[in-house]
Amino acid sequence: MSDYIAQKIDFDFQVDGDLSKSAWAGAVWSKPFVDMASGEPAEFETRSSILWSDERIYVAFKAEEPNLQASLTARDSLIFLENDLELFIDGGDSYYELELNALNTIYEVFFIWRDSYPNPAKFPPELFDISSPDSYTFGGDYDHTGSFFWLGTHPRGTRWAFRGFDMPGLETAISLQGSLNDPLSKDEGWSAEISIPWESLAPLANGRSLPPKNGDLWKIFLGRFDKKVVDGVEVSPHPASSLRSHGVYDTHQPEEWSEVTFEA
């Protein structure tokens, strides 16, 4: 059974962070996110919604947050060091990561499992060049000690991480319900909209139709991380919540991501 059913719409719209627009009025919102490791209710409520047309996929987040914070402004900064919202899309032999903070600063990476590279027909070398200074080998989150330092713990091994990748046609927008970086204010939270053309997701299609056919299933991660400080000490790892619990604070496990069915 799917974790979420994405409904099709017959129009496209500009994202601006405003979730009161008519496009989202009739959308189905997910259940509240749970703690990524334990599956218990998260400290702050977060919900997501997905719509899609023949041209684009649209993803929205509504995140409760009593103290809105963000400082990173350079594209591809390590946004996960702050409060963030995250979208990952699985492509079987690859996956895409997108993170946003409350300043709408973008961090994105395209990952290809090393056992699937090279494959020029699927992953054009002009887009995915391992000799680029922005290409790295990656073993996973929180697996950098002892015998797992280089390889991580995932049974499939390591991935190539292409940090220079920019998703063509990506659109993102943020709306704040409160005052940013004001510790004296009591904030409600923030919302995000993301839109990607289906044609840009070709390296992730893995034989599936673009746009999807009715009933197609994709593995998608919808989550958030929160920078939490207790008695002046930053909690590590940062508390994380997601639509589906993983049993561990490691987002890089596509087999654990939510199953999203696209319904026409």
Protein backbone atom coordinates (compact mmCIF):
# COMPACT_ATOMS: atom_id res chain seq x y z
CA MET A 1 0.00 0.00 0.00
CA SER A 2 1.36 3.40 -0.96
CA ASP A 3 2.33 5.93 1.67
CA TYR A 4 0.83 8.69 -0.44
CA ILE A 5 -1.23 9.10 -3.64
CA ALA A 6 -0.29 12.06 -5.83
CA GLN A 7 -3.25 13.54 -7.68
CA LYS A 8 -3.05 14.77 -11.26
CA ILE A 9 -4.10 18.28 -12.28
CA ASP A 10 -4.84 19.61 -15.76
CA PHE A 11 -3.00 22.93 -15.41
CA ASP A 12 0.37 24.31 -14.40
CA PHE A 13 1.12 27.16 -12.02
CA GLN A 14 3.98 29.33 -10.79
CA VAL A 15 5.35 28.45 -7.36
CA ASP A 16 5.59 31.33 -4.88
CA GLY A 17 5.41 29.62 -1.48
CA ASP A 18 1.76 30.58 -0.96
CA LEU A 19 -0.15 27.39 -0.17
CA SER A 20 -3.50 29.16 0.02
CA LYS A 21 -3.74 29.24 -3.77
CA SER A 22 -6.49 27.20 -5.42
CA ALA A 23 -4.10 24.55 -6.70
CA TRP A 24 -3.48 23.31 -3.14
CA ALA A 25 -7.00 23.96 -1.83
CA GLY A 26 -8.23 20.58 -3.05
CA ALA A 27 -4.95 18.70 -2.61
CA VAL A 28 -4.57 15.77 -0.24
CA TRP A 29 -2.02 16.38 2.50
CA SER A 30 0.06 13.62 4.02
CA LYS A 31 -0.20 12.41 7.57
CA PRO A 32 2.14 14.23 10.00
CA PHE A 33 5.81 13.28 9.67
CA VAL A 34 7.28 10.99 12.34
CA ASP A 35 10.71 10.79 13.91
CA MET A 36 12.96 9.32 11.22
CA ALA A 37 14.63 6.84 13.56
CA SER A 38 11.98 5.86 16.12
CA GLY A 39 8.72 6.36 14.23
CA GLU A 40 7.31 8.28 17.20
CA PRO A 41 5.43 11.56 16.69
CA ALA A 42 7.83 14.36 15.73
CA GLU A 43 8.34 17.37 17.98
CA PHE A 44 6.97 19.77 15.33
CA GLU A 45 4.25 18.93 12.83
CA THR A 46 5.16 18.69 9.16
CA ARG A 47 2.96 17.62 6.27
CA SER A 48 3.53 17.40 2.54
CA SER A 49 1.48 17.25 -0.63
CA ILE A 50 2.25 16.28 -4.23
CA LEU A 51 0.43 17.31 -7.40
CA TRP A 52 1.40 16.60 -10.98
CA SER A 53 0.52 17.60 -14.50
CA ASP A 54 1.67 16.36 -17.88
CA GLU A 55 4.54 18.85 -17.67
CA ARG A 56 5.67 19.07 -14.04
CA ILE A 57 5.67 17.59 -10.55
CA TYR A 58 4.77 19.90 -7.65
CA VAL A 59 5.74 19.24 -4.03
CA ALA A 60 4.64 21.34 -1.05
CA PHE A 61 5.57 21.32 2.64
CA LYS A 62 3.86 22.86 5.66
CA ALA A 63 6.24 22.91 8.64
CA GLU A 64 5.49 24.02 12.19
CA GLU A 65 8.44 25.97 13.61
CA PRO A 66 8.28 28.24 16.68
CA ASN A 67 11.69 29.83 16.03
CA LEU A 68 12.41 30.44 12.35
CA GLN A 69 16.15 30.42 11.66
CA ALA A 70 18.38 30.44 8.58
CA SER A 71 21.73 32.02 7.74
CA LEU A 72 23.22 30.21 4.72
CA THR A 73 22.70 32.11 1.47
CA ALA A 74 25.21 30.61 -1.02
CA ARG A 75 23.78 28.02 -3.39
CA ASP A 76 24.85 24.48 -2.48
CA SER A 77 25.81 25.46 1.05
CA LEU A 78 25.45 22.55 3.47
CA ILE A 79 21.83 23.35 4.19
CA PHE A 80 21.40 20.27 6.40
CA LEU A 81 23.50 22.09 9.03
CA GLU A 82 20.46 24.34 9.57
CA ASN A 83 16.72 23.72 9.79
CA ASP A 84 15.74 22.41 6.39
CA LEU A 85 13.11 20.70 4.26
CA GLU A 86 14.25 17.84 2.04
CA LEU A 87 13.09 16.06 -1.11
CA PHE A 88 14.83 12.99 -2.54
CA ILE A 89 13.69 11.14 -5.68
CA ASP A 90 14.85 7.59 -6.40
CA GLY A 91 15.81 6.44 -9.88
CA GLY A 92 16.88 2.87 -9.15
CA ASP A 93 20.52 3.27 -10.18
CA SER A 94 20.57 6.89 -9.06
CA TYR A 95 18.79 9.41 -6.90
CA TYR A 96 18.42 13.16 -6.52
CA GLU A 97 18.63 15.22 -3.32
CA LEU A 98 17.20 18.70 -2.80
CA GLU A 99 17.30 20.71 0.43
CA LEU A 100 15.89 24.16 1.23
CA ASN A 101 16.26 26.47 4.20
CA ALA A 102 13.97 29.30 5.25
CA LEU A 103 15.89 31.73 3.01
CA ASN A 104 15.11 29.53 -0.01
CA THR A 105 18.79 28.64 -0.34
CA ILE A 106 19.17 25.48 -2.44
CA TYR A 107 21.45 22.49 -1.92
CA GLU A 108 21.21 19.74 -4.52
CA VAL A 109 23.23 16.64 -5.39
CA PHE A 110 22.76 13.88 -7.96
CA PHE A 111 23.93 10.43 -6.81
CA ILE A 112 24.75 7.45 -9.03
CA TRP A 113 25.51 4.06 -7.50
CA ARG A 114 29.05 3.12 -8.47
CA ASP A 115 27.94 -0.33 -9.67
CA SER A 116 25.85 1.48 -12.34
CA TYR A 117 28.52 3.87 -13.62
CA PRO A 118 29.55 4.40 -16.36
CA ASN A 119 26.40 4.16 -18.45
CA PRO A 120 26.64 6.88 -21.14
CA ALA A 121 23.16 6.21 -22.50
CA LYS A 122 21.58 6.72 -19.08
CA PHE A 123 24.03 9.12 -17.48
CA PRO A 124 25.64 11.35 -20.14
CA PRO A 125 29.28 11.97 -19.24
CA GLU A 126 28.99 15.65 -20.06
CA LEU A 127 26.52 15.91 -17.16
CA PHE A 128 28.04 13.31 -14.85
CA ASP A 129 31.82 13.57 -15.06
CA ILE A 130 33.66 11.89 -12.19
CA SER A 131 36.80 13.88 -13.02
CA SER A 132 35.02 17.12 -12.12
CA PRO A 133 36.25 18.79 -8.91
CA ASP A 134 32.61 18.79 -7.75
CA SER A 135 32.32 14.99 -7.97
CA TYR A 136 32.95 12.83 -4.93
CA THR A 137 32.58 9.27 -3.70
CA PHE A 138 29.97 8.92 -0.96
CA GLY A 139 29.31 6.15 1.55
CA GLY A 140 26.25 7.43 3.41
CA ASP A 141 25.37 9.43 6.52
CA TYR A 142 26.85 8.70 9.96
CA ASP A 143 29.00 5.79 8.71
CA HIS A 144 32.40 7.47 8.85
CA THR A 145 34.08 5.58 11.68
CA GLY A 146 36.00 2.35 12.02
CA SER A 147 35.76 -0.19 9.23
CA PHE A 148 32.90 1.77 7.62
CA PHE A 149 34.87 5.00 7.16
CA TRP A 150 35.24 4.74 3.37
CA LEU A 151 32.44 2.42 2.30
CA GLY A 152 29.57 3.19 4.65
CA THR A 153 27.14 0.45 5.59
CA HIS A 154 24.75 0.26 2.64
CA PRO A 155 24.86 -3.24 1.07
CA ARG A 156 25.07 -1.72 -2.41
CA GLY A 157 28.29 0.09 -1.54
CA THR A 158 29.21 3.65 -2.42
CA ARG A 159 27.84 6.24 -4.82
CA TRP A 160 29.25 8.96 -7.00
CA ALA A 161 27.99 12.30 -5.71
CA PHE A 162 27.75 15.07 -8.31
CA ARG A 163 27.57 18.27 -6.29
CA GLY A 164 27.82 20.45 -9.39
CA PHE A 165 24.49 19.16 -10.70
CA ASP A 166 21.67 21.70 -11.14
CA MET A 167 18.22 20.31 -11.91
CA PRO A 168 17.05 21.96 -15.17
CA GLY A 169 13.86 23.94 -14.73
CA LEU A 170 13.79 23.60 -10.94
CA GLU A 171 11.58 26.17 -9.21
CA THR A 172 11.43 26.68 -5.44
CA ALA A 173 9.75 29.21 -3.18
CA ILE A 174 9.39 29.76 0.56
CA SER A 175 6.78 31.52 2.66
CA LEU A 176 7.40 32.41 6.33
CA GLN A 177 4.71 32.55 8.98
CA GLY A 178 6.72 34.57 11.48
CA SER A 179 9.92 36.56 11.83
CA LEU A 180 13.21 35.08 10.65
CA ASN A 181 16.15 35.00 13.07
CA ASP A 182 14.28 36.82 15.84
CA PRO A 183 14.55 34.71 19.02
CA LEU A 184 12.04 36.96 20.78
CA SER A 185 9.23 36.22 18.33
CA LYS A 186 6.89 33.25 18.56
CA ASP A 187 6.58 31.95 15.01
CA GLU A 188 4.06 29.60 13.41
CA GLY A 189 6.29 27.98 10.82
CA TRP A 190 7.14 28.02 7.15
CA SER A 191 6.00 26.52 3.88
CA ALA A 192 7.75 25.53 0.68
CA GLU A 193 6.81 24.84 -2.92
CA ILE A 194 8.96 22.88 -5.38
CA SER A 195 8.35 22.29 -9.07
CA ILE A 196 10.38 20.20 -11.54
CA PRO A 197 9.70 19.46 -15.22
CA TRP A 198 9.20 15.78 -15.91
CA GLU A 199 11.64 15.94 -18.81
CA SER A 200 14.37 16.95 -16.36
CA LEU A 201 13.81 13.74 -14.40
CA ALA A 202 14.82 11.53 -17.36
CA PRO A 203 17.98 10.23 -15.61
CA LEU A 204 15.70 9.02 -12.79
CA ALA A 205 12.94 7.47 -14.91
CA ASN A 206 14.52 3.99 -14.90
CA GLY A 207 12.24 2.78 -17.69
CA ARG A 208 9.15 4.53 -16.37
CA SER A 209 6.99 6.84 -18.44
CA LEU A 210 7.47 10.60 -18.21
CA PRO A 211 5.01 11.92 -17.24
CA PRO A 212 3.94 8.89 -15.18
CA LYS A 213 1.18 6.58 -16.21
CA ASN A 214 -1.81 6.11 -13.93
CA GLY A 215 -0.73 3.87 -11.07
CA ASP A 216 3.04 4.30 -11.49
CA LEU A 217 4.96 4.13 -8.22
CA TRP A 218 8.04 6.19 -7.32
CA LYS A 219 10.13 6.09 -4.16
CA ILE A 220 10.36 9.61 -2.74
CA PHE A 221 11.80 10.92 0.52
CA LEU A 222 9.95 13.79 2.19
CA GLY A 223 11.56 15.02 5.38
CA ARG A 224 13.11 17.74 7.52
CA PHE A 225 16.04 18.25 9.86
CA ASP A 226 16.05 20.64 12.83
CA LYS A 227 19.03 22.36 14.38
CA LYS A 228 18.43 21.97 18.11
CA VAL A 229 20.48 23.50 20.90
CA VAL A 230 20.03 22.36 24.53
CA ASP A 231 21.84 24.24 27.31
CA GLY A 232 24.11 25.82 24.74
CA VAL A 233 25.10 22.51 23.14
CA GLU A 234 23.99 21.58 19.62
CA VAL A 235 22.22 18.20 19.52
CA SER A 236 23.92 15.75 17.14
CA PRO A 237 22.68 14.23 14.97
CA HIS A 238 20.06 16.85 14.31
CA PRO A 239 16.52 15.63 15.07
CA ALA A 240 14.92 14.48 11.83
CA SER A 241 11.39 13.61 10.77
CA SER A 242 9.96 12.11 7.61
CA LEU A 243 6.79 10.71 6.13
CA ARG A 244 8.10 7.19 6.75
CA SER A 245 10.46 6.12 9.54
CA HIS A 246 13.84 4.65 8.48
CA GLY A 247 14.95 3.27 11.83
CA VAL A 248 18.09 5.45 11.65
CA TYR A 249 18.94 9.10 10.95
CA ASP A 250 20.24 8.30 7.46
CA THR A 251 18.35 9.76 4.53
CA HIS A 252 20.46 7.91 1.95
CA GLN A 253 18.48 4.67 2.02
CA PRO A 254 16.18 4.72 -1.01
CA GLU A 255 14.68 1.35 -0.11
CA GLU A 256 13.21 3.00 3.01
CA TRP A 257 11.68 6.02 1.31
CA SER A 258 7.97 6.58 0.95
CA GLU A 259 6.09 4.89 -1.87
CA VAL A 260 4.20 7.50 -3.88
CA THR A 261 1.60 6.39 -6.42
CA PHE A 262 0.72 8.78 -9.24
CA GLU A 263 -3.00 8.71 -9.89
CA ALA A 264 -4.51 10.28 -12.99
